[in-house]
Amino acid sequence: MKASKPIPVSVPERLDELAHLLWGGEWPTRAAQRCGWTLAGAESAARDHGRHDILSSLMWERSYVEGAA
């Protein structure tokens, strides 16, 4: 089993890790969980910190999940 990296401490570091996971092909919900967030929490943090580079992926995933419910 591959050892996981510890969750970065600061929000900007967590957003950087989230971006890395998303660009590496990780599903947004799983990427958010790996960074210690819910999908909504990750979306809020991305919006608050101006991370528009990852916000669209998170918002698409949320609309997909909510549409399936």
Protein backbone atom coordinates (compact mmCIF):
# COMPACT_ATOMS: atom_id res chain seq x y z
CA MET A 1 0.00 0.00 0.00
CA LYS A 2 1.28 3.44 -0.91
CA ALA A 3 1.84 5.76 2.07
CA SER A 4 -0.14 8.96 1.84
CA LYS A 5 1.41 12.36 2.37
CA PRO A 6 0.33 14.35 5.43
CA ILE A 7 -2.34 17.00 4.84
CA PRO A 8 -0.71 20.43 4.36
CA VAL A 9 -1.41 22.86 7.19
CA SER A 10 -2.37 26.13 5.52
CA VAL A 11 -5.35 26.65 3.23
CA PRO A 12 -3.17 27.82 0.29
CA GLU A 13 -1.03 24.68 0.67
CA ARG A 14 -4.14 22.52 0.78
CA LEU A 15 -5.45 24.24 -2.35
CA ASP A 16 -2.13 23.64 -4.10
CA GLU A 17 -2.35 19.95 -3.16
CA LEU A 18 -5.97 19.86 -4.32
CA ALA A 19 -4.97 21.36 -7.68
CA HIS A 20 -2.17 18.81 -8.00
CA LEU A 21 -4.59 15.95 -7.35
CA LEU A 22 -7.21 17.30 -9.76
CA TRP A 23 -4.70 17.87 -12.56
CA GLY A 24 -3.39 14.36 -11.92
CA GLY A 25 -6.84 12.95 -12.69
CA GLU A 26 -8.24 12.46 -9.18
CA TRP A 27 -12.04 12.67 -9.00
CA PRO A 28 -12.92 16.04 -7.34
CA THR A 29 -14.84 14.54 -4.41
CA ARG A 30 -11.98 12.17 -3.59
CA ALA A 31 -9.36 14.90 -4.06
CA ALA A 32 -11.22 17.17 -1.63
CA GLN A 33 -11.44 14.36 0.93
CA ARG A 34 -7.73 13.64 0.60
CA CYS A 35 -7.07 17.30 1.41
CA GLY A 36 -9.35 17.20 4.46
CA TRP A 37 -12.40 18.93 3.00
CA THR A 38 -15.89 18.17 1.85
CA LEU A 39 -16.57 19.13 -1.75
CA ALA A 40 -18.48 22.22 -0.60
CA GLY A 41 -15.67 23.17 1.79
CA ALA A 42 -13.07 22.88 -0.97
CA GLU A 43 -15.23 24.97 -3.29
CA SER A 44 -15.65 27.66 -0.64
CA ALA A 45 -11.90 27.74 0.09
CA ALA A 46 -11.09 27.96 -3.63
CA ARG A 47 -13.53 30.83 -4.05
CA ASP A 48 -12.24 32.66 -0.95
CA HIS A 49 -8.63 32.38 -2.16
CA GLY A 50 -9.28 33.24 -5.82
CA ARG A 51 -8.34 29.77 -7.10
CA HIS A 52 -10.43 29.91 -10.25
CA ASP A 53 -8.07 27.36 -11.78
CA ILE A 54 -9.71 24.62 -9.69
CA LEU A 55 -13.10 26.14 -8.94
CA SER A 56 -14.74 25.02 -12.19
CA SER A 57 -13.81 21.37 -11.56
CA LEU A 58 -15.26 21.50 -8.07
CA MET A 59 -18.45 23.25 -9.16
CA TRP A 60 -18.97 20.78 -12.02
CA GLU A 61 -18.60 17.88 -9.63
CA ARG A 62 -21.04 19.39 -7.13
CA SER A 63 -23.68 19.94 -9.82
CA TYR A 64 -23.15 16.36 -11.03
CA VAL A 65 -23.49 14.90 -7.53
CA GLU A 66 -26.54 17.01 -6.67
CA GLY A 67 -28.17 16.10 -9.99
CA ALA A 68 -27.73 12.40 -9.25
CA ALA A 69 -29.37 12.66 -5.82
